[in-house]
């Protein structure tokens, strides 16, 4: 009987010990997951180090910064800014549309990726229809603010911006917001040839706009 009691007590101790180890591991993993998520969201915002390469709206300024960023990464195509939002990032273009999904502008691994131009678009934005992609981050980083444009008041207050290219600057005026599926070939088709096709696309966007 004593042996049975001893074995029973030993078994209880082992169960408690294993449970304590598992609880500790789970707590450590949970803490790491929270830290990793925080670092991911923080890293999704443009850093001060990167902001020094942002061009200036003023034509009197020396905008060598974008060319300096191009010297670091030859895939750089420009810089996009939408006034009053978190959309304020350099634009790159990869060999395909997966290259910068999880790669930063400096070429490092980054879960938040980089804003990128569709690989089928002409690199100088000379196409009549250019597609830009970016992650929707829950904290509003990258293209996280795009969903806010479904709110008409927000849309009306954030309609302006600028597209800085290596040799030119374009003012932006947003005219529509469309919520659509990722397989919508009418929207996600960078090859739009001719004025008639562009007019058809613009009419479709206007019709589908929220």
Protein backbone atom coordinates (compact mmCIF):
# COMPACT_ATOMS: atom_id res chain seq x y z
CA UNK A 1 0.00 0.00 0.00
CA UNK A 2 2.82 2.43 0.82
CA UNK A 3 4.38 1.80 -2.58
CA UNK A 4 1.11 2.57 -4.30
CA UNK A 5 0.75 5.83 -2.34
CA UNK A 6 4.34 6.80 -3.14
CA UNK A 7 3.85 6.13 -6.84
CA UNK A 8 0.60 8.07 -6.81
CA UNK A 9 2.23 11.09 -5.13
CA UNK A 10 5.17 10.93 -7.54
CA UNK A 11 2.78 10.84 -10.49
CA UNK A 12 0.89 13.87 -9.18
CA UNK A 13 4.19 15.76 -8.76
CA UNK A 14 5.26 14.91 -12.31
CA UNK A 15 1.91 16.05 -13.74
CA UNK A 16 2.13 19.31 -11.82
CA UNK A 17 5.73 19.84 -12.93
CA UNK A 18 4.93 19.21 -16.60
CA UNK A 19 1.88 21.49 -16.38
CA UNK A 20 4.03 24.25 -14.87
CA UNK A 21 6.60 23.88 -17.67
CA UNK A 22 3.88 24.02 -20.33
CA UNK A 23 2.30 27.09 -18.72
CA UNK A 24 5.68 28.84 -18.60
CA UNK A 25 6.38 28.02 -22.25
CA UNK A 26 2.95 29.28 -23.27
CA UNK A 27 3.45 32.52 -21.35
CA UNK A 28 6.87 33.06 -22.91
CA UNK A 29 5.53 32.33 -26.38
CA UNK A 30 2.57 34.64 -25.82
CA UNK A 31 4.89 37.43 -24.68
CA UNK A 32 7.13 36.92 -27.69
CA UNK A 33 4.14 36.90 -30.05
CA UNK A 34 2.91 40.22 -28.61
CA UNK A 35 6.39 41.74 -28.90
CA UNK A 36 6.81 40.43 -32.44
CA UNK A 37 3.43 41.85 -33.48
CA UNK A 38 4.29 45.22 -31.95
CA UNK A 39 7.61 45.30 -33.81
CA UNK A 40 5.84 44.33 -37.04
CA UNK A 41 3.34 47.17 -36.76
CA UNK A 42 5.99 49.65 -35.69
CA UNK A 43 8.24 48.64 -38.57
CA UNK A 44 5.40 49.11 -41.05
CA UNK A 45 5.51 52.87 -40.58
CA UNK A 46 8.12 54.76 -42.55
CA UNK A 47 11.19 55.39 -40.40
CA UNK A 48 12.88 58.73 -39.90
CA UNK A 49 15.93 57.29 -41.60
CA UNK A 50 13.85 56.53 -44.68
CA UNK A 51 12.00 59.86 -44.58
CA UNK A 52 15.21 61.72 -45.41
CA UNK A 53 14.86 60.36 -48.94
CA UNK A 54 11.34 61.75 -49.40
CA UNK A 55 11.23 64.42 -52.13
CA UNK A 56 9.88 67.89 -51.48
CA UNK A 57 6.85 69.46 -53.12
CA UNK A 58 8.80 72.69 -53.53
CA UNK A 59 10.56 73.00 -56.88
CA UNK A 60 13.22 75.09 -55.19
CA UNK A 61 14.39 72.20 -53.07
CA UNK A 62 17.18 69.87 -54.12
CA UNK A 63 15.43 66.50 -54.28
CA UNK A 64 18.53 64.39 -54.59
CA UNK A 65 17.10 62.15 -51.84
CA UNK A 66 15.07 59.98 -54.20
CA UNK A 67 18.08 59.48 -56.45
CA UNK A 68 20.11 58.53 -53.39
CA UNK A 69 17.49 55.93 -52.51
CA UNK A 70 17.64 54.69 -56.10
CA UNK A 71 21.39 54.23 -55.70
CA UNK A 72 20.66 51.98 -52.69
CA UNK A 73 17.89 50.06 -54.46
CA UNK A 74 17.60 50.24 -58.27
CA UNK A 75 14.00 49.00 -58.00
CA UNK A 76 12.86 52.36 -56.58
CA UNK A 77 10.34 54.06 -58.87
CA UNK A 78 9.08 57.01 -56.85
CA UNK A 79 7.32 58.11 -53.68
CA UNK A 80 3.58 58.25 -52.92
CA UNK A 81 1.96 60.62 -50.44
CA UNK A 82 -1.75 60.97 -49.67
CA UNK A 83 -2.23 64.07 -47.54
CA UNK A 84 -3.45 63.54 -43.98
CA UNK A 85 -3.03 59.75 -44.06
CA UNK A 86 -0.32 57.23 -43.25
CA UNK A 87 0.21 56.63 -46.97
CA UNK A 88 3.66 58.18 -47.30
CA UNK A 89 6.09 55.65 -48.72
CA UNK A 90 8.62 54.99 -51.46
CA UNK A 91 7.44 52.91 -54.41
CA UNK A 92 9.42 49.98 -55.81
CA UNK A 93 8.88 47.53 -58.67
CA UNK A 94 10.00 43.93 -58.60
CA UNK A 95 10.53 41.37 -61.30
CA UNK A 96 7.16 39.92 -60.30
CA UNK A 97 4.35 40.93 -57.96
CA UNK A 98 5.55 38.69 -55.12
CA UNK A 99 9.06 40.08 -54.73
CA UNK A 100 8.18 42.97 -52.42
CA UNK A 101 5.25 41.39 -50.61
CA UNK A 102 7.59 40.57 -47.71
CA UNK A 103 10.69 42.61 -48.58
CA UNK A 104 11.58 46.11 -47.41
CA UNK A 105 12.88 48.92 -49.58
CA UNK A 106 16.43 48.20 -48.41
CA UNK A 107 16.10 44.56 -49.52
CA UNK A 108 15.66 43.15 -46.01
CA UNK A 109 12.95 40.67 -45.00
CA UNK A 110 9.85 42.54 -43.85
CA UNK A 111 6.41 41.07 -43.21
CA UNK A 112 4.84 44.45 -44.01
CA UNK A 113 6.62 44.56 -47.37
CA UNK A 114 6.88 47.70 -49.51
CA UNK A 115 4.45 49.66 -51.68
CA UNK A 116 5.09 48.37 -55.19
CA UNK A 117 4.11 49.07 -58.78
CA UNK A 118 2.65 46.17 -60.76
CA UNK A 119 5.47 44.34 -62.52
CA UNK A 120 3.62 44.64 -65.86
CA UNK A 121 3.44 48.42 -65.67
CA UNK A 122 6.04 50.62 -67.34
CA UNK A 123 8.55 51.68 -64.71
CA UNK A 124 8.22 55.44 -65.40
CA UNK A 125 4.41 55.48 -64.85
CA UNK A 126 3.84 56.37 -68.50
CA UNK A 127 0.99 53.83 -68.79
CA UNK A 128 -2.52 55.23 -68.73
CA UNK A 129 -3.40 52.91 -65.84
CA UNK A 130 -0.91 52.09 -63.08
CA UNK A 131 -1.51 49.64 -60.23
CA UNK A 132 0.07 50.08 -56.80
CA UNK A 133 -0.10 47.40 -54.12
CA UNK A 134 0.47 47.47 -50.38
CA UNK A 135 -0.48 45.51 -47.27
CA UNK A 136 -3.52 46.48 -45.24
CA UNK A 137 -2.08 46.87 -41.74
CA UNK A 138 -4.53 46.93 -38.83
CA UNK A 139 -2.79 49.93 -37.26
CA UNK A 140 -3.19 52.06 -40.39
CA UNK A 141 0.34 51.62 -41.71
CA UNK A 142 1.16 50.92 -45.36
CA UNK A 143 -2.23 50.88 -47.18
CA UNK A 144 -4.17 50.35 -43.95
CA UNK A 145 -5.92 53.71 -44.31
CA UNK A 146 -7.39 52.75 -47.68
CA UNK A 147 -10.44 51.16 -46.02
CA UNK A 148 -11.21 54.51 -44.39
CA UNK A 149 -12.05 55.94 -47.80
CA UNK A 150 -15.33 54.02 -47.73
CA UNK A 151 -16.46 56.70 -45.31
CA UNK A 152 -17.57 59.64 -47.47
CA UNK A 153 -16.55 62.28 -44.92
CA UNK A 154 -13.05 60.79 -44.69
CA UNK A 155 -12.86 60.55 -48.47
CA UNK A 156 -13.80 64.20 -48.97
CA UNK A 157 -11.19 65.31 -46.41
CA UNK A 158 -8.32 63.24 -47.88
CA UNK A 159 -8.59 63.63 -51.64
CA UNK A 160 -5.19 65.15 -52.38
CA UNK A 161 -1.65 63.91 -52.53
CA UNK A 162 1.45 63.71 -54.68
CA UNK A 163 3.31 61.18 -56.77
CA UNK A 164 7.03 61.94 -56.83
CA UNK A 165 8.96 60.36 -59.68
CA UNK A 166 12.67 60.51 -60.35
CA UNK A 167 12.26 63.28 -62.92
CA UNK A 168 8.81 64.74 -62.26
CA UNK A 169 6.10 65.35 -59.67
CA UNK A 170 2.35 64.86 -60.12
CA UNK A 171 -0.39 66.20 -57.90
CA UNK A 172 -3.03 63.60 -57.04
CA UNK A 173 -6.77 64.09 -56.72
CA UNK A 174 -8.69 60.99 -55.66
CA UNK A 175 -12.02 60.60 -57.43
CA UNK A 176 -13.39 57.18 -56.40
CA UNK A 177 -13.11 54.32 -53.94
CA UNK A 178 -14.04 50.80 -55.06
CA UNK A 179 -14.31 47.76 -52.80
CA UNK A 180 -13.80 44.67 -54.92
CA UNK A 181 -12.52 41.09 -54.98
CA UNK A 182 -8.88 40.25 -55.64
CA UNK A 183 -9.83 38.32 -58.81
CA UNK A 184 -11.58 41.29 -60.46
CA UNK A 185 -9.73 41.46 -63.77
CA UNK A 186 -11.32 44.75 -64.70
CA UNK A 187 -9.57 46.46 -61.78
CA UNK A 188 -6.46 44.33 -61.44
CA UNK A 189 -5.36 44.53 -65.04
CA UNK A 190 -2.46 46.93 -65.61
CA UNK A 191 -2.62 46.55 -69.39
CA UNK A 192 -5.17 49.14 -70.53
CA UNK A 193 -4.55 50.18 -74.11
CA UNK A 194 -6.13 53.19 -75.77
CA UNK A 195 -8.49 55.96 -74.70
CA UNK A 196 -11.65 53.92 -75.35
CA UNK A 197 -10.57 51.13 -73.00
CA UNK A 198 -9.55 53.66 -70.36
CA UNK A 199 -12.92 55.45 -70.64
CA UNK A 200 -14.69 52.11 -70.21
CA UNK A 201 -12.62 51.34 -67.12
CA UNK A 202 -13.27 54.78 -65.59
CA UNK A 203 -17.02 54.40 -66.17
CA UNK A 204 -16.89 50.99 -64.48
CA UNK A 205 -14.99 52.43 -61.49
CA UNK A 206 -17.47 55.29 -61.18
CA UNK A 207 -20.39 52.85 -61.31
CA UNK A 208 -18.85 50.52 -58.71
CA UNK A 209 -17.61 53.28 -56.39
CA UNK A 210 -18.84 53.09 -52.80
